[in-house]
Amino acid sequence: MILNGQNVELAQSQTLAEVLAQAGFEPSRVAVLKNGQIVSRTEADTLAISDSDVLEVVAFVGGG
């Protein structure tokens, strides 16, 4: 799998939520594209990720 341009090997079948947690992302503070398609946050717990997927994760940053 490719995560933000980096090759990441999956040890087993994982959901998007599991991949995000392992990578240190807070699911409520990110937007995710899977293979170029926006993923709804409600799908994260059930959406399966495979070795051939490309994920782009963008974290929201507050400031003022």
N, C-alpha and C. Protein backbone atom coordinates (compact mmCIF):
# COMPACT_ATOMS: atom_id res chain seq x y z
N MET A 1 0.84 -1.15 0.00
CA MET A 1 0.00 0.00 0.00
C MET A 1 0.90 1.23 0.00
N ILE A 2 0.41 2.28 -0.62
CA ILE A 2 1.12 3.56 -0.61
C ILE A 2 0.34 4.51 0.30
N LEU A 3 1.03 5.08 1.29
CA LEU A 3 0.42 6.03 2.22
C LEU A 3 1.20 7.33 2.15
N ASN A 4 0.55 8.36 1.62
CA ASN A 4 1.19 9.67 1.44
C ASN A 4 2.55 9.56 0.75
N GLY A 5 2.59 8.76 -0.30
CA GLY A 5 3.79 8.63 -1.12
C GLY A 5 4.81 7.63 -0.61
N GLN A 6 4.56 7.02 0.54
CA GLN A 6 5.50 6.05 1.12
C GLN A 6 4.93 4.64 1.00
N ASN A 7 5.77 3.69 0.63
CA ASN A 7 5.35 2.31 0.56
C ASN A 7 5.23 1.74 1.98
N VAL A 8 4.05 1.23 2.30
CA VAL A 8 3.79 0.65 3.62
C VAL A 8 3.29 -0.77 3.41
N GLU A 9 3.92 -1.73 4.07
CA GLU A 9 3.50 -3.11 3.93
C GLU A 9 2.49 -3.46 5.01
N LEU A 10 1.38 -4.05 4.57
CA LEU A 10 0.36 -4.48 5.51
C LEU A 10 0.67 -5.90 5.97
N ALA A 11 0.67 -6.13 7.27
CA ALA A 11 0.94 -7.45 7.81
C ALA A 11 -0.26 -8.37 7.64
N GLN A 12 -1.44 -7.77 7.57
CA GLN A 12 -2.69 -8.52 7.45
C GLN A 12 -3.75 -7.60 6.86
N SER A 13 -4.92 -8.12 6.63
CA SER A 13 -6.02 -7.30 6.17
C SER A 13 -6.39 -6.30 7.26
N GLN A 14 -6.51 -5.04 6.90
CA GLN A 14 -6.81 -4.01 7.89
C GLN A 14 -7.88 -3.07 7.37
N THR A 15 -8.58 -2.42 8.31
CA THR A 15 -9.54 -1.39 7.94
C THR A 15 -8.80 -0.05 7.85
N LEU A 16 -9.46 0.92 7.26
CA LEU A 16 -8.88 2.25 7.17
C LEU A 16 -8.60 2.80 8.56
N ALA A 17 -9.50 2.60 9.50
CA ALA A 17 -9.30 3.09 10.87
C ALA A 17 -8.04 2.50 11.49
N GLU A 18 -7.78 1.22 11.25
CA GLU A 18 -6.59 0.57 11.79
C GLU A 18 -5.32 1.13 11.15
N VAL A 19 -5.35 1.35 9.85
CA VAL A 19 -4.20 1.92 9.15
C VAL A 19 -3.90 3.32 9.67
N LEU A 20 -4.94 4.13 9.83
CA LEU A 20 -4.76 5.49 10.33
C LEU A 20 -4.18 5.49 11.74
N ALA A 21 -4.69 4.62 12.61
CA ALA A 21 -4.19 4.54 13.98
C ALA A 21 -2.73 4.14 14.01
N GLN A 22 -2.34 3.16 13.21
CA GLN A 22 -0.94 2.72 13.17
C GLN A 22 -0.02 3.81 12.66
N ALA A 23 -0.54 4.64 11.77
CA ALA A 23 0.29 5.72 11.21
C ALA A 23 0.29 6.96 12.11
N GLY A 24 -0.49 6.93 13.20
CA GLY A 24 -0.49 8.04 14.14
C GLY A 24 -1.46 9.17 13.81
N PHE A 25 -2.43 8.89 12.95
CA PHE A 25 -3.42 9.91 12.59
C PHE A 25 -4.64 9.79 13.48
N GLU A 26 -5.22 10.92 13.83
CA GLU A 26 -6.50 10.98 14.55
C GLU A 26 -7.60 11.03 13.49
N PRO A 27 -8.40 9.97 13.36
CA PRO A 27 -9.39 9.90 12.28
C PRO A 27 -10.34 11.09 12.19
N SER A 28 -10.66 11.71 13.31
CA SER A 28 -11.58 12.84 13.27
C SER A 28 -10.92 14.13 12.77
N ARG A 29 -9.59 14.11 12.60
CA ARG A 29 -8.87 15.31 12.19
C ARG A 29 -8.19 15.17 10.83
N VAL A 30 -8.64 14.19 10.05
CA VAL A 30 -8.03 13.99 8.73
C VAL A 30 -9.09 13.80 7.65
N ALA A 31 -8.67 14.06 6.42
CA ALA A 31 -9.45 13.71 5.24
C ALA A 31 -8.64 12.66 4.49
N VAL A 32 -9.33 11.68 3.92
CA VAL A 32 -8.64 10.57 3.27
C VAL A 32 -9.15 10.38 1.85
N LEU A 33 -8.18 10.20 0.94
CA LEU A 33 -8.47 9.77 -0.42
C LEU A 33 -7.95 8.35 -0.58
N LYS A 34 -8.80 7.47 -1.05
CA LYS A 34 -8.38 6.09 -1.35
C LYS A 34 -8.49 5.91 -2.86
N ASN A 35 -7.35 5.70 -3.49
CA ASN A 35 -7.31 5.53 -4.95
C ASN A 35 -7.99 6.69 -5.66
N GLY A 36 -7.77 7.91 -5.13
CA GLY A 36 -8.29 9.10 -5.76
C GLY A 36 -9.73 9.46 -5.41
N GLN A 37 -10.38 8.66 -4.57
CA GLN A 37 -11.77 8.91 -4.19
C GLN A 37 -11.85 9.30 -2.71
N ILE A 38 -12.63 10.33 -2.41
CA ILE A 38 -12.81 10.76 -1.02
C ILE A 38 -13.53 9.68 -0.24
N VAL A 39 -13.02 9.41 0.97
CA VAL A 39 -13.61 8.41 1.85
C VAL A 39 -14.36 9.11 2.98
N SER A 40 -15.60 8.73 3.19
CA SER A 40 -16.39 9.28 4.28
C SER A 40 -15.86 8.76 5.61
N ARG A 41 -15.86 9.61 6.63
CA ARG A 41 -15.39 9.20 7.96
C ARG A 41 -16.20 8.03 8.50
N THR A 42 -17.46 7.94 8.12
CA THR A 42 -18.31 6.86 8.62
C THR A 42 -17.89 5.50 8.06
N GLU A 43 -17.10 5.49 7.01
CA GLU A 43 -16.64 4.23 6.39
C GLU A 43 -15.36 3.69 7.01
N ALA A 44 -14.66 4.50 7.79
CA ALA A 44 -13.31 4.15 8.25
C ALA A 44 -13.24 2.83 9.01
N ASP A 45 -14.26 2.53 9.82
CA ASP A 45 -14.22 1.31 10.63
C ASP A 45 -14.48 0.04 9.83
N THR A 46 -15.05 0.17 8.65
CA THR A 46 -15.41 -1.02 7.87
C THR A 46 -14.70 -1.12 6.53
N LEU A 47 -14.10 -0.04 6.07
CA LEU A 47 -13.47 -0.03 4.75
C LEU A 47 -12.15 -0.81 4.77
N ALA A 48 -12.10 -1.89 4.00
CA ALA A 48 -10.90 -2.72 3.94
C ALA A 48 -9.83 -2.06 3.07
N ILE A 49 -8.59 -2.16 3.51
CA ILE A 49 -7.45 -1.62 2.78
C ILE A 49 -6.60 -2.80 2.31
N SER A 50 -6.19 -2.76 1.03
CA SER A 50 -5.37 -3.84 0.49
C SER A 50 -4.00 -3.31 0.09
N ASP A 51 -3.09 -4.22 -0.21
CA ASP A 51 -1.73 -3.86 -0.60
C ASP A 51 -1.67 -3.00 -1.86
N SER A 52 -2.68 -3.09 -2.70
CA SER A 52 -2.66 -2.34 -3.96
C SER A 52 -3.26 -0.93 -3.84
N ASP A 53 -3.76 -0.57 -2.66
CA ASP A 53 -4.40 0.74 -2.49
C ASP A 53 -3.39 1.87 -2.34
N VAL A 54 -3.82 3.06 -2.76
CA VAL A 54 -3.04 4.28 -2.59
C VAL A 54 -3.88 5.22 -1.73
N LEU A 55 -3.34 5.59 -0.57
CA LEU A 55 -4.03 6.48 0.36
C LEU A 55 -3.30 7.81 0.46
N GLU A 56 -4.06 8.88 0.44
CA GLU A 56 -3.54 10.21 0.71
C GLU A 56 -4.30 10.72 1.93
N VAL A 57 -3.57 11.07 2.97
CA VAL A 57 -4.19 11.53 4.22
C VAL A 57 -3.74 12.97 4.44
N VAL A 58 -4.71 13.85 4.65
CA VAL A 58 -4.43 15.25 4.90
C VAL A 58 -4.96 15.59 6.28
N ALA A 59 -4.07 16.07 7.16
CA ALA A 59 -4.47 16.42 8.53
C ALA A 59 -4.87 17.89 8.59
N PHE A 60 -5.94 18.14 9.34
CA PHE A 60 -6.40 19.51 9.57
C PHE A 60 -5.58 20.12 10.69
N VAL A 61 -5.14 21.35 10.48
CA VAL A 61 -4.33 22.04 11.48
C VAL A 61 -5.02 23.37 11.81
N GLY A 62 -5.24 23.60 13.09
CA GLY A 62 -5.85 24.85 13.51
C GLY A 62 -4.79 25.90 13.76
N GLY A 63 -5.19 27.11 13.67
CA GLY A 63 -4.25 28.19 13.92
C GLY A 63 -4.99 29.50 14.10
N GLY A 64 -4.26 30.50 14.44
CA GLY A 64 -4.98 31.75 14.63
C GLY A 64 -4.09 32.93 14.70
